[in-house]
Protein backbone atom coordinates (compact mmCIF):
# COMPACT_ATOMS: atom_id res chain seq x y z
CA MET A 1 0.00 0.00 0.00
CA ILE A 2 1.16 3.52 -0.83
CA ILE A 3 0.00 6.15 1.67
CA CYS A 4 0.15 9.78 0.61
CA ALA A 5 -0.40 13.01 2.53
CA LYS A 6 0.62 16.63 2.07
CA TYR A 7 2.68 16.53 5.29
CA LEU A 8 4.87 13.85 6.85
CA MET A 9 5.90 14.23 10.50
CA THR A 10 8.73 11.77 11.19
CA GLY A 11 8.32 11.73 14.99
CA ASP A 12 11.79 13.05 15.84
CA GLY A 13 10.41 16.26 17.36
CA LYS A 14 11.37 18.59 14.52
CA THR A 15 11.22 17.14 11.01
CA VAL A 16 8.16 17.81 8.85
CA LEU A 17 8.39 16.91 5.17
CA GLU A 18 6.01 17.84 2.38
CA ASP A 19 4.64 15.89 -0.56
CA LYS A 20 6.08 12.56 0.50
CA ALA A 21 4.47 9.14 0.36
CA VAL A 22 5.18 5.89 2.18
CA LEU A 23 5.21 2.40 0.70
CA THR A 24 4.39 -0.35 3.21
CA LYS A 25 5.29 -3.94 2.45
CA ASP A 26 5.38 -7.07 4.60
CA GLY A 27 4.55 -5.04 7.70
CA LYS A 28 7.43 -2.60 7.24
CA ILE A 29 8.00 0.86 5.83
CA GLU A 30 9.63 -0.15 2.56
CA LYS A 31 10.31 3.23 0.99
CA ILE A 32 9.68 6.96 1.47
CA ALA A 33 9.59 9.04 -1.69
CA SER A 34 7.26 11.21 -3.77
CA LYS A 35 3.90 9.82 -4.81
CA GLU A 36 4.94 9.97 -8.45
CA GLU A 37 8.12 7.98 -7.83
CA LEU A 38 6.39 5.28 -5.80
CA THR A 39 3.37 4.83 -8.07
CA LYS A 40 5.65 4.57 -11.09
CA ALA A 41 7.93 2.02 -9.42
CA TYR A 42 5.08 0.02 -7.83
CA PRO A 43 2.08 0.30 -10.18
CA GLU A 44 0.38 -2.75 -8.62
CA GLU A 45 0.12 -1.19 -5.15
CA GLU A 46 -3.08 0.26 -3.74
CA VAL A 47 -2.76 4.05 -3.38
CA LYS A 48 -4.40 5.95 -0.51
CA ASP A 49 -4.04 9.70 -1.02
CA TYR A 50 -5.36 11.79 1.88
CA GLY A 51 -4.46 15.17 0.41
CA GLU A 52 -4.31 17.98 2.99
CA ALA A 53 -3.41 15.64 5.84
CA THR A 54 -0.46 14.56 7.99
CA LEU A 55 1.19 11.14 8.06
CA LEU A 56 3.05 10.26 11.26
CA PRO A 57 4.01 7.27 13.41
CA GLY A 58 1.27 5.54 15.37
CA LEU A 59 1.04 6.91 18.90
CA CYS A 60 2.07 5.18 22.12
CA ASP A 61 0.28 5.69 25.46
CA MET A 62 2.95 5.08 28.09
CA HIS A 63 0.67 4.96 31.14
CA ALA A 64 -2.48 2.93 30.69
CA HIS A 65 -4.52 0.58 32.87
CA LEU A 66 -6.40 -1.59 30.38
CA GLY A 67 -7.88 -3.91 32.98
CA TYR A 68 -8.68 -1.31 35.67
CA TYR A 69 -12.25 -2.11 36.75
CA TYR A 70 -12.11 -0.84 40.34
CA SER A 71 -13.99 2.37 39.56
CA GLN A 72 -17.01 0.53 38.18
CA PRO A 73 -20.07 0.95 40.44
CA ASP A 74 -20.75 -2.82 40.23
CA THR A 75 -17.27 -4.18 40.87
CA PHE A 76 -18.88 -7.28 42.41
CA ASN A 77 -19.80 -8.38 38.88
CA TYR A 78 -16.23 -8.22 37.61
CA GLY A 79 -14.81 -11.72 37.64
CA PRO A 80 -11.82 -12.74 35.49
CA GLN A 81 -13.87 -13.19 32.32
CA LEU A 82 -15.58 -9.79 32.50
CA ILE A 83 -12.32 -8.05 33.40
CA MET A 84 -10.71 -9.54 30.30
CA LEU A 85 -13.56 -8.38 28.07
CA TYR A 86 -13.38 -4.91 29.60
CA ALA A 87 -9.65 -4.77 28.96
CA LEU A 88 -10.18 -5.93 25.37
CA GLN A 89 -12.71 -3.16 24.75
CA HIS A 90 -10.29 -0.68 26.28
CA ALA A 91 -7.40 -1.88 24.12
CA GLN A 92 -9.36 -1.86 20.87
CA SER A 93 -10.57 1.70 21.48
CA ALA A 94 -6.94 2.80 21.12
CA PHE A 95 -7.06 2.57 17.33
CA GLU A 96 -9.74 5.27 17.11
CA ARG A 97 -7.28 7.65 18.77
CA GLY A 98 -4.35 6.78 16.55
CA ILE A 99 -2.68 4.66 19.24
CA THR A 100 -0.80 1.57 18.09
CA SER A 101 1.25 0.84 21.24
CA VAL A 102 0.46 0.86 24.96
CA ARG A 103 2.49 0.42 28.13
CA ASP A 104 0.15 -0.96 30.78
CA MET A 105 1.25 0.16 34.23
CA SER A 106 -0.75 -2.27 36.41
CA SER A 107 -3.84 -4.25 35.60
CA ALA A 108 -5.33 -7.33 37.25
CA HIS A 109 -2.91 -10.25 37.34
CA GLY A 110 -2.48 -11.96 33.96
CA VAL A 111 -4.79 -9.69 31.97
CA CYS A 112 -2.21 -8.11 29.68
CA LYS A 113 -0.17 -11.27 29.35
CA ASN A 114 -3.23 -13.10 28.03
CA LEU A 115 -4.36 -10.22 25.84
CA LYS A 116 -0.97 -10.32 24.13
CA LEU A 117 -1.19 -14.07 23.73
CA ALA A 118 -4.66 -13.77 22.21
CA ALA A 119 -3.31 -11.22 19.72
CA GLU A 120 -0.37 -13.46 18.84
CA LYS A 121 -2.79 -16.31 18.16
CA GLY A 122 -4.88 -14.08 15.92
CA PHE A 123 -7.96 -14.14 18.17
CA VAL A 124 -8.06 -10.35 18.55
CA LYS A 125 -6.57 -7.27 16.94
CA ILE A 126 -5.15 -4.89 19.54
CA PRO A 127 -2.22 -2.45 19.89
CA ARG A 128 1.24 -3.68 20.79
CA ILE A 129 1.33 -4.02 24.58
CA THR A 130 4.25 -3.75 26.98
CA HIS A 131 3.13 -4.47 30.53
CA THR A 132 3.87 -4.74 34.20
CA ASP A 133 2.00 -7.20 36.38
CA THR A 134 0.08 -5.65 39.26
CA GLY A 135 1.81 -2.76 41.02
CA ILE A 136 3.79 -3.10 44.24
CA CYS A 137 3.27 -0.96 47.35
CA MET A 138 3.96 -1.13 51.10
CA THR A 139 1.34 -2.59 53.43
CA GLY A 140 -1.43 0.00 53.49
CA GLY A 141 0.26 2.06 50.79
CA HIS A 142 -1.20 3.78 47.77
CA ALA A 143 -3.71 1.48 45.99
CA TRP A 144 -3.07 -1.28 48.53
CA ASP A 145 -6.44 -2.86 47.75
CA GLU A 146 -5.59 -3.11 44.04
CA VAL A 147 -1.90 -4.09 44.01
CA GLU A 148 0.56 -6.33 45.88
CA GLU A 149 1.65 -5.27 49.38
CA VAL A 150 5.27 -5.90 50.41
CA ASP A 151 7.52 -4.76 53.25
CA GLY A 152 11.29 -4.85 53.40
CA PRO A 153 13.87 -5.22 50.60
CA TRP A 154 13.69 -9.00 50.44
CA GLU A 155 9.90 -9.03 50.13
CA VAL A 156 10.28 -6.47 47.35
CA ARG A 157 12.79 -8.70 45.57
CA LYS A 158 10.63 -11.81 46.05
CA GLU A 159 7.57 -10.13 44.55
CA ILE A 160 9.56 -8.89 41.57
CA ARG A 161 10.91 -12.40 41.03
CA LYS A 162 7.37 -13.79 41.07
CA GLN A 163 6.21 -11.19 38.58
CA VAL A 164 9.11 -11.84 36.22
CA ARG A 165 8.34 -15.56 36.52
CA ASP A 166 4.74 -14.84 35.55
CA GLY A 167 5.63 -12.81 32.47
CA ALA A 168 5.94 -9.18 33.60
CA GLU A 169 7.95 -7.10 31.12
CA TRP A 170 8.27 -4.07 33.42
CA VAL A 171 7.74 -3.59 37.15
CA LYS A 172 5.55 -0.87 38.68
CA VAL A 173 6.23 0.44 42.20
CA LEU A 174 4.06 2.93 44.11
CA THR A 175 5.62 5.03 46.84
CA THR A 176 3.65 8.27 47.36
CA HIS A 177 0.01 9.24 47.48
CA ARG A 178 -1.53 12.56 48.47
CA SER A 179 0.91 13.61 51.17
CA HIS A 180 4.59 14.39 51.51
CA ILE A 181 5.21 11.27 53.57
CA PRO A 182 7.10 8.73 51.43
CA GLU A 183 5.83 5.16 51.66
CA LEU A 184 8.59 2.73 50.73
CA THR A 185 12.00 3.32 52.33
CA GLN A 186 15.14 4.16 50.38
CA GLU A 187 16.40 0.65 51.03
CA GLU A 188 13.22 -0.84 49.57
CA LEU A 189 13.31 1.42 46.51
CA ASN A 190 16.98 0.63 45.91
CA ALA A 191 16.23 -3.08 46.16
CA ALA A 192 13.41 -2.78 43.61
CA VAL A 193 15.62 -1.07 41.04
CA ASP A 194 18.55 -3.41 41.65
CA GLU A 195 16.41 -6.53 41.34
CA CYS A 196 14.83 -5.33 38.11
CA HIS A 197 18.04 -4.21 36.47
CA ARG A 198 19.98 -7.32 37.36
CA ARG A 199 17.14 -9.34 35.82
CA GLY A 200 17.30 -7.22 32.68
CA ILE A 201 13.93 -5.50 32.95
CA LYS A 202 12.97 -1.88 33.55
CA CYS A 203 10.90 -0.31 36.30
CA GLY A 204 8.62 2.67 36.70
CA VAL A 205 7.49 4.30 39.92
CA HIS A 206 4.43 6.26 40.98
CA ALA A 207 5.81 9.31 42.82
CA GLY A 208 4.07 12.66 42.93
CA THR A 209 5.36 14.41 46.04
CA ASN A 210 8.58 15.17 47.89
CA PRO A 211 10.79 13.78 49.29
CA GLY A 212 9.53 10.66 47.50
CA ILE A 213 10.48 11.99 44.07
CA GLN A 214 14.08 12.58 45.14
CA MET A 215 14.26 9.12 46.69
CA CYS A 216 13.16 7.58 43.38
CA ILE A 217 15.74 9.60 41.45
CA ASP A 218 18.41 8.42 43.86
CA ALA A 219 17.26 4.81 43.45
CA GLY A 220 17.57 5.10 39.67
CA PHE A 221 14.15 4.09 38.33
CA ASP A 222 13.81 4.09 34.55
CA THR A 223 10.66 6.21 34.55
CA ILE A 224 8.93 8.34 37.14
CA GLU A 225 5.18 8.47 36.74
CA HIS A 226 3.43 11.77 37.47
CA ALA A 227 6.20 13.57 39.46
CA THR A 228 3.50 16.18 39.94
CA PHE A 229 5.37 18.38 42.41
CA MET A 230 8.87 17.87 41.04
CA THR A 231 11.31 20.78 41.03
CA LEU A 232 13.56 22.17 38.33
CA ASP A 233 16.50 20.50 40.06
CA HIS A 234 14.65 17.16 39.94
CA ALA A 235 14.12 17.57 36.20
CA LYS A 236 17.80 18.35 35.67
CA GLN A 237 18.83 15.29 37.70
CA MET A 238 16.47 13.08 35.72
CA ALA A 239 17.87 14.41 32.46
CA GLU A 240 21.43 13.70 33.62
CA LYS A 241 20.60 10.18 34.86
CA GLY A 242 18.46 9.23 31.86
CA ILE A 243 15.25 8.87 33.89
CA ALA A 244 12.16 9.53 31.77
CA TRP A 245 9.13 11.49 33.00
CA THR A 246 5.50 10.50 32.36
CA PRO A 247 3.60 13.59 33.54
CA THR A 248 0.00 12.34 32.99
CA ILE A 249 -1.28 15.94 32.87
CA MET A 250 -4.70 14.81 31.69
CA ALA A 251 -5.37 12.59 34.69
CA TYR A 252 -4.83 15.27 37.31
CA THR A 253 -6.48 18.02 35.30
CA LEU A 254 -9.56 15.88 34.77
CA LEU A 255 -9.73 15.05 38.49
CA TYR A 256 -9.47 18.75 39.29
CA ASP A 257 -12.24 19.61 36.83
CA ILE A 258 -14.57 16.82 38.00
CA CYS A 259 -14.06 17.54 41.69
CA LYS A 260 -14.58 21.25 41.16
CA GLU A 261 -17.75 20.67 39.14
CA ASN A 262 -19.14 18.22 41.68
CA LEU A 263 -18.48 20.59 44.56
CA GLU A 264 -20.05 23.53 42.73
CA LYS A 265 -23.10 21.80 41.24
CA ASN A 266 -23.79 18.90 43.59
CA ALA A 267 -22.53 20.28 46.88
CA GLY A 268 -20.15 17.36 47.14
CA LYS A 269 -22.88 14.71 47.21
CA PRO A 270 -21.77 11.08 46.72
CA VAL A 271 -21.05 9.95 43.15
CA ASN A 272 -21.51 6.52 41.58
CA ASP A 273 -17.81 5.93 41.04
CA PRO A 274 -16.30 4.54 44.29
CA VAL A 275 -12.81 5.64 43.26
CA MET A 276 -14.05 9.14 42.46
CA GLN A 277 -15.75 9.32 45.83
CA LYS A 278 -12.40 8.71 47.50
CA GLU A 279 -10.73 11.28 45.24
CA MET A 280 -13.27 13.95 46.24
CA LYS A 281 -11.65 13.99 49.66
CA ASP A 282 -8.39 15.07 48.01
CA TYR A 283 -9.76 18.04 46.06
CA GLN A 284 -7.25 20.35 47.74
CA TYR A 285 -4.47 18.23 46.17
CA PHE A 286 -5.75 18.47 42.60
CA GLU A 287 -5.91 22.25 42.22
CA PRO A 288 -2.19 22.80 42.95
CA ALA A 289 -1.43 19.68 40.89
CA TYR A 290 -3.21 21.14 37.88
CA LYS A 291 -1.40 24.45 38.37
CA ALA A 292 1.98 22.72 38.79
CA TYR A 293 1.71 21.18 35.34
CA ARG A 294 0.35 24.34 33.78
CA ASP A 295 3.02 26.61 35.25
CA HIS A 296 6.12 24.41 35.09
CA PHE A 297 5.77 21.85 32.29
CA LYS A 298 7.68 23.88 29.70
CA GLU A 299 10.40 24.80 32.20
CA PHE A 300 10.97 21.12 33.02
CA TYR A 301 10.75 20.04 29.38
CA ASP A 302 13.51 22.50 28.50
CA THR A 303 15.98 20.76 30.83
CA GLY A 304 16.19 17.94 28.29
CA VAL A 305 14.47 15.36 30.47
CA THR A 306 12.90 12.68 28.28
CA VAL A 307 9.13 13.22 28.37
CA ILE A 308 6.82 10.33 27.51
CA ALA A 309 3.08 10.78 27.14
CA GLY A 310 0.61 8.75 29.18
CA THR A 311 -3.02 9.17 30.19
CA ASP A 312 -3.67 7.10 33.36
CA MET A 313 -7.45 7.17 32.90
CA VAL A 314 -9.20 5.09 35.58
CA MET A 315 -12.33 7.05 36.58
CA TYR A 316 -15.80 5.67 35.86
CA GLN A 317 -17.03 6.81 32.42
CA SER A 318 -13.81 8.73 31.78
CA PRO A 319 -12.58 8.55 28.17
CA PHE A 320 -10.42 5.57 27.25
CA LEU A 321 -6.81 6.51 26.44
CA PRO A 322 -7.39 10.24 25.67
CA LEU A 323 -3.83 10.68 24.41
CA PRO A 324 -4.65 13.43 21.87
CA ARG A 325 -5.88 15.61 24.75
CA GLU A 326 -2.73 14.90 26.77
CA LEU A 327 -0.63 16.13 23.84
CA GLN A 328 -2.87 19.15 23.44
CA TYR A 329 -2.16 20.15 27.05
CA MET A 330 1.56 19.93 26.34
CA VAL A 331 1.19 22.33 23.43
CA GLU A 332 -1.02 24.66 25.45
CA TYR A 333 1.71 24.69 28.09
CA GLY A 334 4.44 25.73 25.71
CA ILE A 335 5.97 23.10 23.42
CA THR A 336 5.45 22.68 19.67
CA PRO A 337 3.12 20.09 18.11
CA ALA A 338 6.17 18.28 16.67
CA GLN A 339 7.74 18.09 20.13
CA ALA A 340 4.49 16.84 21.64
CA ILE A 341 4.23 14.12 18.99
CA GLN A 342 7.78 13.02 19.86
CA THR A 343 6.64 12.33 23.45
CA ALA A 344 4.18 9.78 22.05
CA THR A 345 6.31 8.25 19.29
CA SER A 346 10.12 8.13 19.23
CA ASN A 347 10.60 8.91 22.93
CA PRO A 348 8.46 5.95 24.07
CA ALA A 349 10.20 3.69 21.56
CA LYS A 350 13.58 4.58 23.06
CA VAL A 351 12.39 4.10 26.64
CA LEU A 352 10.89 0.72 25.71
CA GLY A 353 14.07 -0.27 23.88
CA VAL A 354 12.35 -0.73 20.51
CA GLU A 355 13.69 2.31 18.68
CA ASN A 356 15.07 0.01 15.97
CA GLU A 357 11.57 -1.33 15.36
CA ARG A 358 9.14 1.60 15.63
CA GLY A 359 8.56 5.16 16.80
CA LEU A 360 9.55 6.97 13.58
CA VAL A 361 8.42 7.12 9.99
CA LYS A 362 11.65 5.63 8.71
CA GLU A 363 12.48 3.01 6.12
CA GLY A 364 12.89 -0.45 7.65
CA LEU A 365 10.76 0.18 10.73
CA ASP A 366 7.34 -1.30 11.48
CA ALA A 367 4.53 0.22 9.46
CA ASP A 368 2.61 1.44 12.51
CA LEU A 369 1.24 4.60 10.96
CA LEU A 370 -1.36 7.28 11.52
CA VAL A 371 -2.96 9.76 9.13
CA VAL A 372 -4.87 12.77 10.47
CA GLY A 373 -6.59 15.59 8.63
CA GLY A 374 -4.82 18.94 8.28
CA ASP A 375 -1.34 20.20 9.09
CA LEU A 376 -0.53 18.66 12.47
CA SER A 377 2.68 20.65 12.76
CA LYS A 378 0.56 23.80 13.00
CA ASP A 379 -2.47 22.48 14.92
CA ILE A 380 -2.25 19.66 17.49
CA THR A 381 -6.06 19.27 17.49
CA CYS A 382 -5.72 17.65 14.06
CA LEU A 383 -5.21 14.46 16.10
CA ASN A 384 -8.98 14.46 16.63
CA ASP A 385 -9.52 13.81 12.92
CA VAL A 386 -8.15 10.30 12.47
CA LYS A 387 -8.28 9.13 8.86
CA LEU A 388 -6.23 5.92 8.90
CA VAL A 389 -4.32 3.75 11.36
CA THR A 390 -2.13 0.82 10.35
CA LEU A 391 -0.49 -1.74 12.59
CA GLY A 392 2.35 -3.61 10.92
CA GLY A 393 1.04 -2.35 7.58
CA GLU A 394 -2.45 -3.69 8.18
CA ARG A 395 -5.26 -1.15 8.41
CA VAL A 396 -6.94 -1.34 11.80
CA PHE A 397 -8.96 1.89 11.62
CA GLU A 398 -10.12 3.80 8.58
CA ASP A 399 -12.82 6.38 7.95
CA GLY A 400 -14.57 5.72 11.25
CA ILE A 401 -14.42 1.92 10.94
CA ARG A 402 -12.41 -0.16 13.39
CA TYR A 403 -11.13 -3.40 11.86
CA VAL A 404 -10.93 -6.21 14.42
CA GLY A 405 -9.47 -8.97 12.30
CA THR A 406 -8.68 -10.10 8.80
CA HIS A 407 -11.06 -10.71 5.89
CA ASN A 408 -12.66 -7.25 6.18
CA MET A 409 -14.13 -7.80 9.62
CA PHE A 410 -14.96 -4.44 11.19
CA MET A 411 -16.84 -2.73 13.96
């Protein structure tokens, strides 16, 4: 297939080409050249010309929870089978948003492992998934009723060993919540990083407040999730140590907006979402969190810290994987559309260690591609107009139709 668009954004954070087309073959990007050159050299290929549109790499959401059912008002109904179906629906919705890869940062045990296996067997068509197992916290720590509780460095190591045994590709640790009291000790955090790295896998950590953020930098995690109240010095340290930052602006801004609306319109009355009801108690946390991202994102970005985009959507009836809105916030807060796209394409590929496979529109890489209407380099909201998504050269979303398998099956 030859895909043509007026603009081609490579995903490197700066390069935008015009009047180029891409030939996909055997799941790879075979050649990038002008439409005329490709159609002349490959007259048998189907040609899809989208005109005034932008071709770019498929997006990657680096903080998702595909199997997170805890905010459903009827959690008692969610056994293993229903959780798996919920996660499948969540994963398939990614294509509508131009997402072709996801890093799941804690779902119910075995969900993502089996989703990947189902995709490998051809049972389902879903994005490429990289996943942790369930998260790890201290006894009574953040999300203790959803993740594994451990205490002491050797319990931390034992749990990581179990998760690696059971197929975890990353490890997720949680060490702060809504206060400045760190949860896991420095010794426990150090043990987590050491155990992961000596086993050859990477680890991310939920840390939003101080001194927990500094402790995680000192431990040497590969990614810090949220880092909501990080400082400029933290960002500089992370840049120097090669620690990536997943800000999840959308998650905290949405919580701020929902809490504010509920307090103003409903006088804080109970809501159906049990997780949201707990979050209402922390409204005073979300306003400064929202302002921290708004006021400091660009300043931190400019340190050179590697930023990776993630959504962390877990509230009842919240949008699945709203990555385009996350990138829009980044642009509103000061970076260019091309830079924002890099946080969801080549930056994630590097952090995941697959930069030689995907993340750029480049010859020889996987044909995970996205076409959106308009000039994306000028207007980030063009991401809301998805024309085509391909995964390994196979169309999975086109003109409002989500393809779920081969032989023209669609939804």
